Protein backbone atom coordinates (compact mmCIF):
# COMPACT_ATOMS: atom_id res chain seq x y z
CA MET A 1 0.00 0.00 0.00
CA SER A 2 1.34 3.43 -0.89
CA ASN A 3 1.74 6.24 1.62
CA ASP A 4 -1.12 8.07 -0.06
CA ASP A 5 -3.40 5.01 0.41
CA GLN A 6 -2.45 4.85 4.06
CA TYR A 7 -3.46 8.43 4.76
CA ASP A 8 -6.33 8.99 2.32
CA GLY A 9 -8.61 6.61 4.20
CA VAL A 10 -8.45 8.44 7.51
CA GLY A 11 -11.59 10.40 8.34
CA GLY A 12 -14.48 8.77 6.54
CA THR A 13 -13.78 6.21 3.85
CA GLY A 14 -14.57 3.10 5.82
CA GLN A 15 -11.54 2.88 8.08
CA THR A 16 -12.58 1.78 11.61
CA ARG A 17 -12.01 4.21 14.45
CA THR A 18 -11.52 2.92 17.99
CA ARG A 19 -12.61 5.08 20.90
CA LEU A 20 -10.33 4.63 23.88
CA PRO A 21 -11.80 4.62 27.39
CA ASP A 22 -12.11 7.96 29.10
CA PRO A 23 -9.50 8.67 31.76
CA PRO A 24 -10.48 7.95 35.35
CA SER A 25 -13.05 10.25 36.86
CA ASP A 26 -11.93 12.90 39.30
CA GLY A 27 -14.81 11.92 41.61
CA TYR A 28 -16.94 14.92 40.77
CA GLY A 29 -19.10 13.74 37.98
CA GLY A 30 -16.82 12.56 35.20
CA PRO A 31 -13.57 13.41 33.43
CA ARG A 32 -12.55 16.98 32.89
CA ARG A 33 -12.11 18.20 29.31
CA THR A 34 -10.50 21.35 28.12
CA PRO A 35 -13.19 23.48 26.49
CA ARG A 36 -12.51 24.39 22.88
CA SER A 37 -13.35 27.93 21.97
CA SER A 38 -12.03 30.74 19.85
CA ARG A 39 -10.89 32.62 22.94
CA GLY A 40 -7.40 31.04 22.92
CA LEU A 41 -6.92 31.74 19.22
CA ILE A 42 -8.00 35.36 19.64
CA THR A 43 -5.49 35.78 22.47
CA VAL A 44 -2.61 34.38 20.42
CA VAL A 45 -3.46 36.56 17.42
CA GLY A 46 -3.60 39.61 19.67
CA VAL A 47 -0.15 38.89 21.11
CA VAL A 48 1.35 38.46 17.64
CA VAL A 49 -0.17 41.73 16.41
CA LEU A 50 1.18 43.58 19.44
CA LEU A 51 4.63 42.03 18.91
CA ILE A 52 4.73 43.09 15.25
CA ALA A 53 3.65 46.60 16.19
CA ALA A 54 6.37 46.81 18.84
CA ILE A 55 9.07 45.70 16.39
CA ALA A 56 7.90 48.22 13.78
CA PHE A 57 7.94 50.98 16.38
CA ALA A 58 11.46 50.10 17.55
CA ASN A 59 12.78 50.06 13.98
CA ARG A 60 11.48 53.50 13.01
CA SER A 61 14.25 55.82 11.86
CA GLY A 62 15.23 58.46 14.38
CA ASP A 63 14.07 56.50 17.43
CA THR A 64 16.48 56.17 20.31
CA PRO A 65 16.62 52.71 21.88
CA ASP A 66 15.50 52.50 25.47
CA THR A 67 18.59 51.34 27.33
CA THR A 68 16.69 51.00 30.56
CA THR A 69 14.79 47.93 29.44
CA ALA A 70 15.82 44.49 30.55
CA ASP A 71 16.23 43.23 26.97
CA LYS A 72 19.38 44.76 25.49
CA ALA A 73 20.29 44.84 21.81
CA PRO A 74 22.89 42.24 20.74
CA ASP A 75 26.46 43.30 21.41
CA THR A 76 28.41 44.43 18.32
CA THR A 77 30.85 41.57 18.78
CA SER A 78 28.10 39.10 17.91
CA THR A 79 28.31 40.11 14.25
CA ALA A 80 31.93 41.32 14.12
CA PRO A 81 34.34 39.67 11.65
CA THR A 82 36.50 36.90 13.06
CA GLY A 83 40.19 36.35 12.49
CA THR A 84 43.28 38.50 12.47
CA THR A 85 42.88 42.14 11.52
CA PRO A 86 44.02 42.85 7.92
CA VAL A 87 47.54 44.21 7.62
CA THR A 88 48.24 47.81 6.70
CA THR A 89 51.73 47.67 5.16
CA LYS A 90 52.70 46.64 1.63
CA THR A 91 55.73 45.63 -0.40
CA ALA A 92 55.57 46.01 -4.19
CA GLY A 93 51.88 46.70 -3.73
CA ILE A 94 51.33 43.39 -1.90
CA PRO A 95 50.06 43.37 1.69
CA LYS A 96 52.68 42.12 4.14
CA GLY A 97 53.06 41.45 7.84
CA PHE A 98 50.59 38.57 8.09
CA ALA A 99 50.38 36.91 11.47
CA HIS A 100 52.64 34.02 12.35
CA ASP A 101 49.77 31.60 12.77
CA GLU A 102 47.35 29.52 10.73
CA GLN A 103 45.09 32.46 9.90
CA GLY A 104 48.08 34.52 8.81
CA ALA A 105 49.18 31.78 6.43
CA GLN A 106 45.72 31.68 4.85
CA SER A 107 45.66 35.46 4.47
CA ALA A 108 49.11 35.45 2.88
CA ALA A 109 48.18 32.73 0.39
CA ALA A 110 44.97 34.50 -0.65
CA ASN A 111 46.77 37.81 -1.22
CA TYR A 112 49.61 36.13 -3.09
CA ALA A 113 47.09 34.56 -5.46
CA VAL A 114 45.69 38.04 -6.15
CA ALA A 115 49.15 39.47 -6.82
CA LEU A 116 50.33 36.63 -9.07
CA GLY A 117 47.03 36.70 -10.96
CA SER A 118 47.19 40.42 -11.70
CA ASP A 119 48.07 42.22 -14.93
CA GLY A 120 51.36 43.25 -13.34
CA MET A 121 52.69 39.82 -14.26
CA LEU A 122 52.55 40.85 -17.93
CA LYS A 123 55.24 43.52 -17.46
CA LYS A 124 58.78 42.33 -16.76
CA ASP A 125 59.84 44.89 -14.15
CA VAL A 126 56.59 44.65 -12.21
CA ARG A 127 56.64 40.86 -12.46
CA HIS A 128 60.11 40.64 -10.97
CA ALA A 129 59.10 42.90 -8.07
CA LEU A 130 56.01 40.77 -7.38
CA VAL A 131 57.97 37.54 -7.51
CA ASP A 132 60.63 38.91 -5.14
CA ALA A 133 57.93 39.99 -2.68
CA VAL A 134 56.06 36.67 -2.73
CA TYR A 135 58.67 33.93 -3.07
CA THR A 136 61.76 33.06 -1.09
CA PRO A 137 64.98 34.34 -2.72
CA GLU A 138 65.83 30.85 -3.97
CA ALA A 139 62.38 30.22 -5.42
CA ALA A 140 62.24 33.70 -6.97
CA ALA A 141 65.57 33.20 -8.73
CA GLN A 142 64.35 29.93 -10.22
CA ARG A 143 61.12 31.43 -11.52
CA LYS A 144 62.25 34.71 -13.06
CA GLY A 145 64.05 33.18 -16.02
CA ALA A 146 61.30 30.68 -16.77
CA GLN A 147 58.60 33.34 -16.50
CA ASP A 148 60.51 35.76 -18.71
CA ALA A 149 60.64 33.05 -21.35
CA ALA A 150 56.96 32.23 -20.91
CA TYR A 151 55.86 35.87 -21.21
CA SER A 152 57.70 36.27 -24.49
CA PRO A 153 56.69 38.88 -27.10
CA ALA A 154 55.22 36.06 -29.18
CA PHE A 155 53.04 34.88 -26.29
CA LEU A 156 51.96 38.43 -25.43
CA ALA A 157 51.00 38.94 -29.06
CA THR A 158 48.59 35.99 -28.84
CA LEU A 159 46.84 37.90 -26.03
CA GLY A 160 46.62 41.02 -28.18
CA LEU A 161 49.40 42.83 -26.25
CA ASP A 162 52.58 44.47 -27.43
CA ALA A 163 56.06 43.30 -26.42
CA ASN A 164 55.87 45.31 -23.17
CA GLY A 165 52.53 43.83 -22.13
CA ASN A 166 50.43 46.84 -23.06
CA ALA A 167 46.93 46.61 -24.57
CA PRO A 168 46.03 48.46 -27.78
CA GLN A 169 44.68 51.97 -27.38
CA GLY A 170 41.01 51.88 -26.49
CA SER A 171 41.22 48.35 -25.06
CA THR A 172 41.84 46.97 -21.58
CA PHE A 173 43.43 43.62 -20.88
CA VAL A 174 41.80 42.09 -17.80
CA THR A 175 43.39 39.49 -15.57
CA ARG A 176 42.30 39.14 -11.96
CA ALA A 177 42.22 36.42 -9.34
CA VAL A 178 39.36 36.72 -6.84
CA PRO A 179 39.68 34.32 -3.89
CA VAL A 180 36.50 32.54 -2.85
CA GLY A 181 37.97 30.65 0.09
CA THR A 182 41.06 29.04 1.57
CA ARG A 183 41.80 25.60 2.97
CA VAL A 184 44.72 24.62 5.19
CA GLU A 185 46.29 21.41 3.93
CA SER A 186 48.90 21.39 6.69
CA TYR A 187 50.30 23.83 9.20
CA GLY A 188 53.30 24.18 11.47
CA PRO A 189 55.19 27.16 12.93
CA ALA A 190 57.83 26.92 10.19
CA THR A 191 55.85 25.74 7.15
CA ALA A 192 52.30 25.67 5.87
CA LYS A 193 50.40 24.42 2.84
CA VAL A 194 47.33 26.43 1.88
CA ALA A 195 44.95 25.95 -1.05
CA VAL A 196 43.13 28.99 -2.44
CA TRP A 197 39.93 28.43 -4.40
CA TYR A 198 39.41 31.38 -6.72
CA THR A 199 37.58 32.63 -9.74
CA GLY A 200 39.58 34.43 -12.40
CA LEU A 201 38.83 37.07 -15.01
CA VAL A 202 40.95 37.00 -18.14
CA GLY A 203 40.62 38.46 -21.62
CA MET A 204 40.68 41.64 -23.67
CA SER A 205 37.93 44.19 -23.23
CA GLY A 206 37.53 46.34 -26.31
CA ALA A 207 35.39 46.95 -29.38
CA LYS A 208 37.72 44.95 -31.62
CA SER A 209 38.61 42.22 -29.15
CA THR A 210 38.57 38.63 -30.36
CA THR A 211 39.24 37.28 -26.85
CA PRO A 212 36.48 38.70 -24.61
CA VAL A 213 36.82 38.58 -20.85
CA ARG A 214 35.85 35.20 -19.45
CA THR A 215 35.72 33.63 -16.02
CA THR A 216 37.77 30.68 -14.85
CA TRP A 217 37.64 28.58 -11.69
CA LYS A 218 40.82 27.17 -10.21
CA THR A 219 42.51 26.06 -7.01
CA TRP A 220 45.96 27.48 -6.33
CA THR A 221 48.01 25.62 -3.72
CA PHE A 222 50.94 27.34 -2.01
CA GLU A 223 53.79 25.82 -0.02
CA LEU A 224 54.75 28.51 2.50
CA THR A 225 57.65 28.97 4.89
CA TRP A 226 58.09 31.46 7.70
CA ALA A 227 61.09 33.53 6.63
CA GLY A 228 61.75 35.60 9.74
CA ASP A 229 59.40 38.48 9.06
CA GLY A 230 56.60 36.89 7.07
CA TRP A 231 55.28 34.02 4.99
CA LYS A 232 57.08 33.31 1.71
CA VAL A 233 56.23 30.88 -1.08
CA THR A 234 58.65 28.03 -1.78
CA SER A 235 56.51 26.33 -4.44
CA ASP A 236 53.00 26.48 -5.88
CA SER A 237 50.71 24.63 -8.28
CA GLN A 238 47.28 25.06 -9.85
CA GLN A 239 44.44 22.84 -10.96
CA ASP A 240 41.07 23.51 -12.55
CA GLY A 241 37.89 23.79 -10.49
CA PRO A 242 35.76 23.35 -8.57
CA ALA A 243 33.55 25.20 -11.05
CA PRO A 244 29.85 25.98 -10.53
CA VAL A 245 27.19 25.91 -13.22
CA PRO A 246 27.32 29.20 -15.17
CA GLY A 247 24.62 31.67 -14.20
CA ASP A 248 22.00 33.18 -16.45
CA VAL A 249 23.16 36.80 -16.11
CA ALA A 250 23.62 38.41 -19.51
CA ALA A 251 27.18 39.33 -20.44
CA SER A 252 28.03 43.02 -20.07
CA THR A 253 29.42 45.15 -22.86
CA SER A 254 33.15 45.62 -23.25
CA ASP A 255 32.79 49.24 -22.11
CA ASP A 256 31.09 48.16 -18.89
CA ILE A 257 33.82 45.62 -18.19
CA SER A 258 36.59 48.16 -18.85
CA LYS A 259 34.96 50.68 -16.52
CA ALA A 260 34.43 48.08 -13.82
CA VAL A 261 38.08 47.00 -13.90
CA GLN A 262 39.22 50.61 -13.62
CA GLU A 263 36.70 51.71 -11.00
CA PHE A 264 36.52 48.69 -8.69
CA GLY A 265 39.68 48.15 -6.71
CA GLY A 266 40.76 44.91 -5.08
CA PHE A 267 40.73 43.83 -1.45
CA THR A 268 43.26 42.91 1.17
CA TYR A 269 42.16 39.39 1.99
CA ALA A 270 42.34 38.32 5.61
CA ARG A 271 41.08 35.18 7.26
C-alpha cells in the first residue's frame, strides 16, 4: 500500500475508528475536558499583532533605543568579523606582515594569489618585483628566467598585447584572481600548505577584441615557509575547479567591463 493510500482513508472512507476509554473520573461527575473555543486563538493573534507593532515601532528611523529595558540589543561583537585584523603595510603593492599563525598563512596565500594573478605579471619589471615579494629568494631566482621566457613577445601577441605587455589603445586587458575561500592542507610554525579556491577574469575588453573577458575557476596551492618576518612561497601549483554551473546573467558590454576593472579596486584578503 502506498503512503497516499495509508493516509487517504483516515476520516471517513470506511476505516474503523476505535474510541479509547475515558481517563479515570476525578470523583466529581466525570472526566474533565479542556473546552474548545475561539478565545485562545484570539489571544494568540492579539499577542502576535502587538509584537509586530512593537518591532515596527522600535525600527522607526530616528528612534532612540530604550537602554533601561531588561532586553538589550545584541552586542556588536556578535556580528563582528572573526580572524586576524588585515595588515596595513605593503611591499611592491602586496600586503605584508601577516600573522605568524594559521590564519596569517591563509591570508598570505589569498593575497599572493591576487598578486600573481594580476596584470602586473605581464610587465617584466613589475613581475620581478612581485615575484621577489612573494617567493623566497631561492624560489624567486628559479622562476624569473622561466617566467621571462613564458611571457615572451610572441606569447603576449597571442593575447593582443605588445612586447611590453600593453593593450592596444582603447582596449583593456583584464586578468584578476578573486579568492573565494582558503583551505589549510597542513600547518606548522615553520611551514604551511594552503589551497586557495578562486575565480579568475581573463581576456581583452575592447570593441575589436577577439578574446572577450571570461571567467575561470581554479585552485591554487601554495607551499609557504616562515622567513623571519613573514610568509614566503617556496613552491606552488594550480588545478582547474571546482567550477559551478554558469549563471543566467547576460554578459556586459566591453565598455562596462573596462569601466568596472578601472573603477573597482581589489581587497586585502584576511582570514
